[in-house]
Amino acid sequence: MMEFLYFPEDKTEYLPAIITLVLFMTIAVLSMRLILRKSKREQEQFEAKYPEGKREYNKSN
């Protein structure tokens, strides 16, 4: 009967999984930074275009 979990004797079989994990994590971090940077830029543009909107929001709270 085959074991449920497979742990290879040759640890080099882990390399493709590690490389893929590092690659996807790097892409995820870079994507998140890009999204945050773009969002901040859009917020600054909005606040420059509509400065009264920010003041009205603060008054209502």
PDB file of N, CA and C in Angstrom:
ATOM      1  N   MET A   1       0.845  -1.183   0.000  1.00  0.00           N
ATOM      2  CA  MET A   1       0.000   0.000   0.000  1.00  0.00           C
ATOM      3  C   MET A   1       0.892   1.247   0.000  1.00  0.00           C
ATOM      4  N   MET A   2       0.491   2.247  -0.769  1.00  0.00           N
ATOM      5  CA  MET A   2       1.275   3.474  -0.883  1.00  0.00           C
ATOM      6  C   MET A   2       1.017   4.375   0.326  1.00  0.00           C
ATOM      7  N   GLU A   3       2.067   4.981   0.786  1.00  0.00           N
ATOM      8  CA  GLU A   3       1.925   5.896   1.921  1.00  0.00           C
ATOM      9  C   GLU A   3       1.148   7.135   1.497  1.00  0.00           C
ATOM     10  N   PHE A   4       0.418   7.714   2.452  1.00  0.00           N
ATOM     11  CA  PHE A   4      -0.386   8.899   2.155  1.00  0.00           C
ATOM     12  C   PHE A   4       0.502  10.106   1.864  1.00  0.00           C
ATOM     13  N   LEU A   5       1.500  10.326   2.690  1.00  0.00           N
ATOM     14  CA  LEU A   5       2.428  11.428   2.479  1.00  0.00           C
ATOM     15  C   LEU A   5       3.706  10.902   1.850  1.00  0.00           C
ATOM     16  N   TYR A   6       4.221  11.659   0.905  1.00  0.00           N
ATOM     17  CA  TYR A   6       5.420  11.235   0.192  1.00  0.00           C
ATOM     18  C   TYR A   6       6.558  12.176   0.553  1.00  0.00           C
ATOM     19  N   PHE A   7       7.563  11.655   1.203  1.00  0.00           N
ATOM     20  CA  PHE A   7       8.755  12.413   1.527  1.00  0.00           C
ATOM     21  C   PHE A   7       9.924  11.757   0.802  1.00  0.00           C
ATOM     22  N   PRO A   8      10.408  12.379  -0.257  1.00  0.00           N
ATOM     23  CA  PRO A   8      11.453  11.735  -1.053  1.00  0.00           C
ATOM     24  C   PRO A   8      12.784  11.653  -0.308  1.00  0.00           C
ATOM     25  N   GLU A   9      13.510  10.606  -0.599  1.00  0.00           N
ATOM     26  CA  GLU A   9      14.859  10.461  -0.036  1.00  0.00           C
ATOM     27  C   GLU A   9      15.794  11.498  -0.652  1.00  0.00           C
ATOM     28  N   ASP A  10      15.632  11.723  -1.956  1.00  0.00           N
ATOM     29  CA  ASP A  10      16.459  12.694  -2.672  1.00  0.00           C
ATOM     30  C   ASP A  10      15.820  14.078  -2.509  1.00  0.00           C
ATOM     31  N   LYS A  11      16.420  14.914  -1.696  1.00  0.00           N
ATOM     32  CA  LYS A  11      15.829  16.215  -1.367  1.00  0.00           C
ATOM     33  C   LYS A  11      15.868  17.196  -2.537  1.00  0.00           C
ATOM     34  N   THR A  12      16.568  16.861  -3.628  1.00  0.00           N
ATOM     35  CA  THR A  12      16.571  17.757  -4.785  1.00  0.00           C
ATOM     36  C   THR A  12      15.209  17.783  -5.470  1.00  0.00           C
ATOM     37  N   GLU A  13      14.341  16.847  -5.146  1.00  0.00           N
ATOM     38  CA  GLU A  13      12.985  16.866  -5.701  1.00  0.00           C
ATOM     39  C   GLU A  13      12.167  18.024  -5.133  1.00  0.00           C
ATOM     40  N   TYR A  14      12.630  18.624  -4.055  1.00  0.00           N
ATOM     41  CA  TYR A  14      11.950  19.782  -3.477  1.00  0.00           C
ATOM     42  C   TYR A  14      12.274  21.070  -4.233  1.00  0.00           C
ATOM     43  N   LEU A  15      13.358  21.095  -4.994  1.00  0.00           N
ATOM     44  CA  LEU A  15      13.797  22.327  -5.652  1.00  0.00           C
ATOM     45  C   LEU A  15      12.738  22.952  -6.564  1.00  0.00           C
ATOM     46  N   PRO A  16      12.074  22.216  -7.448  1.00  0.00           N
ATOM     47  CA  PRO A  16      11.055  22.872  -8.279  1.00  0.00           C
ATOM     48  C   PRO A  16       9.938  23.517  -7.453  1.00  0.00           C
ATOM     49  N   ALA A  17       9.539  22.874  -6.378  1.00  0.00           N
ATOM     50  CA  ALA A  17       8.487  23.443  -5.531  1.00  0.00           C
ATOM     51  C   ALA A  17       8.976  24.714  -4.836  1.00  0.00           C
ATOM     52  N   ILE A  18      10.199  24.706  -4.366  1.00  0.00           N
ATOM     53  CA  ILE A  18      10.756  25.884  -3.688  1.00  0.00           C
ATOM     54  C   ILE A  18      10.913  27.037  -4.668  1.00  0.00           C
ATOM     55  N   ILE A  19      11.411  26.742  -5.862  1.00  0.00           N
ATOM     56  CA  ILE A  19      11.584  27.783  -6.877  1.00  0.00           C
ATOM     57  C   ILE A  19      10.231  28.378  -7.257  1.00  0.00           C
ATOM     58  N   THR A  20       9.231  27.539  -7.436  1.00  0.00           N
ATOM     59  CA  THR A  20       7.892  28.019  -7.775  1.00  0.00           C
ATOM     60  C   THR A  20       7.313  28.864  -6.646  1.00  0.00           C
ATOM     61  N   LEU A  21       7.482  28.419  -5.415  1.00  0.00           N
ATOM     62  CA  LEU A  21       6.981  29.171  -4.266  1.00  0.00           C
ATOM     63  C   LEU A  21       7.629  30.550  -4.186  1.00  0.00           C
ATOM     64  N   VAL A  22       8.942  30.604  -4.324  1.00  0.00           N
ATOM     65  CA  VAL A  22       9.651  31.884  -4.261  1.00  0.00           C
ATOM     66  C   VAL A  22       9.213  32.790  -5.404  1.00  0.00           C
ATOM     67  N   LEU A  23       9.061  32.235  -6.583  1.00  0.00           N
ATOM     68  CA  LEU A  23       8.640  33.021  -7.739  1.00  0.00           C
ATOM     69  C   LEU A  23       7.250  33.619  -7.521  1.00  0.00           C
ATOM     70  N   PHE A  24       6.298  32.805  -7.098  1.00  0.00           N
ATOM     71  CA  PHE A  24       4.940  33.305  -6.891  1.00  0.00           C
ATOM     72  C   PHE A  24       4.862  34.288  -5.726  1.00  0.00           C
ATOM     73  N   MET A  25       5.612  34.060  -4.670  1.00  0.00           N
ATOM     74  CA  MET A  25       5.609  35.001  -3.547  1.00  0.00           C
ATOM     75  C   MET A  25       6.195  36.347  -3.973  1.00  0.00           C
ATOM     76  N   THR A  26       7.254  36.318  -4.772  1.00  0.00           N
ATOM     77  CA  THR A  26       7.858  37.554  -5.267  1.00  0.00           C
ATOM     78  C   THR A  26       6.871  38.315  -6.141  1.00  0.00           C
ATOM     79  N   ILE A  27       6.209  37.608  -7.037  1.00  0.00           N
ATOM     80  CA  ILE A  27       5.217  38.252  -7.901  1.00  0.00           C
ATOM     81  C   ILE A  27       4.070  38.827  -7.070  1.00  0.00           C
ATOM     82  N   ALA A  28       3.639  38.116  -6.036  1.00  0.00           N
ATOM     83  CA  ALA A  28       2.549  38.597  -5.183  1.00  0.00           C
ATOM     84  C   ALA A  28       2.950  39.871  -4.442  1.00  0.00           C
ATOM     85  N   VAL A  29       4.162  39.904  -3.904  1.00  0.00           N
ATOM     86  CA  VAL A  29       4.633  41.087  -3.174  1.00  0.00           C
ATOM     87  C   VAL A  29       4.760  42.277  -4.121  1.00  0.00           C
ATOM     88  N   LEU A  30       5.337  42.057  -5.297  1.00  0.00           N
ATOM     89  CA  LEU A  30       5.482  43.149  -6.260  1.00  0.00           C
ATOM     90  C   LEU A  30       4.122  43.658  -6.737  1.00  0.00           C
ATOM     91  N   SER A  31       3.180  42.759  -6.945  1.00  0.00           N
ATOM     92  CA  SER A  31       1.835  43.166  -7.359  1.00  0.00           C
ATOM     93  C   SER A  31       1.163  43.996  -6.273  1.00  0.00           C
ATOM     94  N   MET A  32       1.297  43.581  -5.022  1.00  0.00           N
ATOM     95  CA  MET A  32       0.687  44.316  -3.916  1.00  0.00           C
ATOM     96  C   MET A  32       1.299  45.706  -3.792  1.00  0.00           C
ATOM     97  N   ARG A  33       2.610  45.805  -3.922  1.00  0.00           N
ATOM     98  CA  ARG A  33       3.262  47.118  -3.851  1.00  0.00           C
ATOM     99  C   ARG A  33       2.801  48.017  -4.989  1.00  0.00           C
ATOM    100  N   LEU A  34       2.661  47.447  -6.186  1.00  0.00           N
ATOM    101  CA  LEU A  34       2.195  48.215  -7.336  1.00  0.00           C
ATOM    102  C   LEU A  34       0.771  48.716  -7.113  1.00  0.00           C
ATOM    103  N   ILE A  35      -0.092  47.865  -6.593  1.00  0.00           N
ATOM    104  CA  ILE A  35      -1.477  48.257  -6.325  1.00  0.00           C
ATOM    105  C   ILE A  35      -1.532  49.359  -5.270  1.00  0.00           C
ATOM    106  N   LEU A  36      -0.761  49.226  -4.203  1.00  0.00           N
ATOM    107  CA  LEU A  36      -0.759  50.251  -3.150  1.00  0.00           C
ATOM    108  C   LEU A  36      -0.226  51.584  -3.666  1.00  0.00           C
ATOM    109  N   ARG A  37       0.833  51.533  -4.465  1.00  0.00           N
ATOM    110  CA  ARG A  37       1.416  52.757  -5.020  1.00  0.00           C
ATOM    111  C   ARG A  37       0.409  53.454  -5.939  1.00  0.00           C
ATOM    112  N   LYS A  38      -0.258  52.683  -6.786  1.00  0.00           N
ATOM    113  CA  LYS A  38      -1.250  53.244  -7.709  1.00  0.00           C
ATOM    114  C   LYS A  38      -2.431  53.826  -6.926  1.00  0.00           C
ATOM    115  N   SER A  39      -2.867  53.137  -5.884  1.00  0.00           N
ATOM    116  CA  SER A  39      -3.980  53.609  -5.076  1.00  0.00           C
ATOM    117  C   SER A  39      -3.634  54.928  -4.383  1.00  0.00           C
ATOM    118  N   LYS A  40      -2.433  55.020  -3.848  1.00  0.00           N
ATOM    119  CA  LYS A  40      -2.013  56.251  -3.178  1.00  0.00           C
ATOM    120  C   LYS A  40      -1.960  57.407  -4.168  1.00  0.00           C
ATOM    121  N   ARG A  41      -1.456  57.141  -5.370  1.00  0.00           N
ATOM    122  CA  ARG A  41      -1.379  58.170  -6.396  1.00  0.00           C
ATOM    123  C   ARG A  41      -2.779  58.644  -6.792  1.00  0.00           C
ATOM    124  N   GLU A  42      -3.717  57.708  -6.945  1.00  0.00           N
ATOM    125  CA  GLU A  42      -5.089  58.081  -7.287  1.00  0.00           C
ATOM    126  C   GLU A  42      -5.749  58.875  -6.164  1.00  0.00           C
ATOM    127  N   GLN A  43      -5.465  58.528  -4.924  1.00  0.00           N
ATOM    128  CA  GLN A  43      -6.030  59.263  -3.795  1.00  0.00           C
ATOM    129  C   GLN A  43      -5.499  60.695  -3.772  1.00  0.00           C
ATOM    130  N   GLU A  44      -4.215  60.869  -4.022  1.00  0.00           N
ATOM    131  CA  GLU A  44      -3.640  62.218  -4.042  1.00  0.00           C
ATOM    132  C   GLU A  44      -4.236  63.047  -5.172  1.00  0.00           C
ATOM    133  N   GLN A  45      -4.437  62.430  -6.333  1.00  0.00           N
ATOM    134  CA  GLN A  45      -5.048  63.146  -7.454  1.00  0.00           C
ATOM    135  C   GLN A  45      -6.482  63.536  -7.118  1.00  0.00           C
ATOM    136  N   PHE A  46      -7.218  62.640  -6.480  1.00  0.00           N
ATOM    137  CA  PHE A  46      -8.600  62.932  -6.104  1.00  0.00           C
ATOM    138  C   PHE A  46      -8.652  64.070  -5.093  1.00  0.00           C
ATOM    139  N   GLU A  47      -7.785  64.030  -4.094  1.00  0.00           N
ATOM    140  CA  GLU A  47      -7.786  65.077  -3.071  1.00  0.00           C
ATOM    141  C   GLU A  47      -7.366  66.420  -3.651  1.00  0.00           C
ATOM    142  N   ALA A  48      -6.491  66.409  -4.657  1.00  0.00           N
ATOM    143  CA  ALA A  48      -6.099  67.662  -5.294  1.00  0.00           C
ATOM    144  C   ALA A  48      -7.249  68.222  -6.130  1.00  0.00           C
ATOM    145  N   LYS A  49      -8.014  67.340  -6.750  1.00  0.00           N
ATOM    146  CA  LYS A  49      -9.108  67.778  -7.613  1.00  0.00           C
ATOM    147  C   LYS A  49     -10.340  68.175  -6.801  1.00  0.00           C
ATOM    148  N   TYR A  50     -10.602  67.475  -5.707  1.00  0.00           N
ATOM    149  CA  TYR A  50     -11.785  67.729  -4.878  1.00  0.00           C
ATOM    150  C   TYR A  50     -11.365  67.956  -3.421  1.00  0.00           C
ATOM    151  N   PRO A  51     -10.756  69.087  -3.117  1.00  0.00           N
ATOM    152  CA  PRO A  51     -10.298  69.302  -1.729  1.00  0.00           C
ATOM    153  C   PRO A  51     -11.451  69.458  -0.742  1.00  0.00           C
ATOM    154  N   GLU A  52     -12.612  69.919  -1.210  1.00  0.00           N
ATOM    155  CA  GLU A  52     -13.742  70.109  -0.302  1.00  0.00           C
ATOM    156  C   GLU A  52     -14.354  68.781   0.118  1.00  0.00           C
ATOM    157  N   GLY A  53     -14.182  67.745  -0.645  1.00  0.00           N
ATOM    158  CA  GLY A  53     -14.735  66.435  -0.308  1.00  0.00           C
ATOM    159  C   GLY A  53     -14.133  65.878   0.963  1.00  0.00           C
ATOM    160  N   LYS A  54     -12.872  66.102   1.164  1.00  0.00           N
ATOM    161  CA  LYS A  54     -12.199  65.602   2.361  1.00  0.00           C
ATOM    162  C   LYS A  54     -12.693  66.354   3.597  1.00  0.00           C
ATOM    163  N   ARG A  55     -12.879  67.674   3.473  1.00  0.00           N
ATOM    164  CA  ARG A  55     -13.338  68.460   4.612  1.00  0.00           C
ATOM    165  C   ARG A  55     -14.761  68.084   5.003  1.00  0.00           C
ATOM    166  N   GLU A  56     -15.634  67.865   4.017  1.00  0.00           N
ATOM    167  CA  GLU A  56     -17.012  67.483   4.313  1.00  0.00           C
ATOM    168  C   GLU A  56     -17.070  66.130   5.002  1.00  0.00           C
ATOM    169  N   TYR A  57     -16.228  65.225   4.599  1.00  0.00           N
ATOM    170  CA  TYR A  57     -16.201  63.901   5.218  1.00  0.00           C
ATOM    171  C   TYR A  57     -15.769  64.018   6.676  1.00  0.00           C
ATOM    172  N   ASN A  58     -14.773  64.848   6.947  1.00  0.00           N
ATOM    173  CA  ASN A  58     -14.297  65.011   8.320  1.00  0.00           C
ATOM    174  C   ASN A  58     -15.348  65.694   9.194  1.00  0.00           C
ATOM    175  N   LYS A  59     -16.142  66.602   8.642  1.00  0.00           N
ATOM    176  CA  LYS A  59     -17.174  67.280   9.420  1.00  0.00           C
ATOM    177  C   LYS A  59     -18.299  66.331   9.812  1.00  0.00           C
ATOM    178  N   SER A  60     -18.610  65.378   8.930  1.00  0.00           N
ATOM    179  CA  SER A  60     -19.719  64.467   9.223  1.00  0.00           C
ATOM    180  C   SER A  60     -19.359  63.466  10.305  1.00  0.00           C
ATOM    181  N   ASN A  61     -18.091  63.240  10.562  1.00  0.00           N
ATOM    182  CA  ASN A  61     -17.675  62.269  11.599  1.00  0.00           C
ATOM    183  C   ASN A  61     -17.500  62.920  12.910  1.00  0.00           C
TER     184      ASN A  61
END
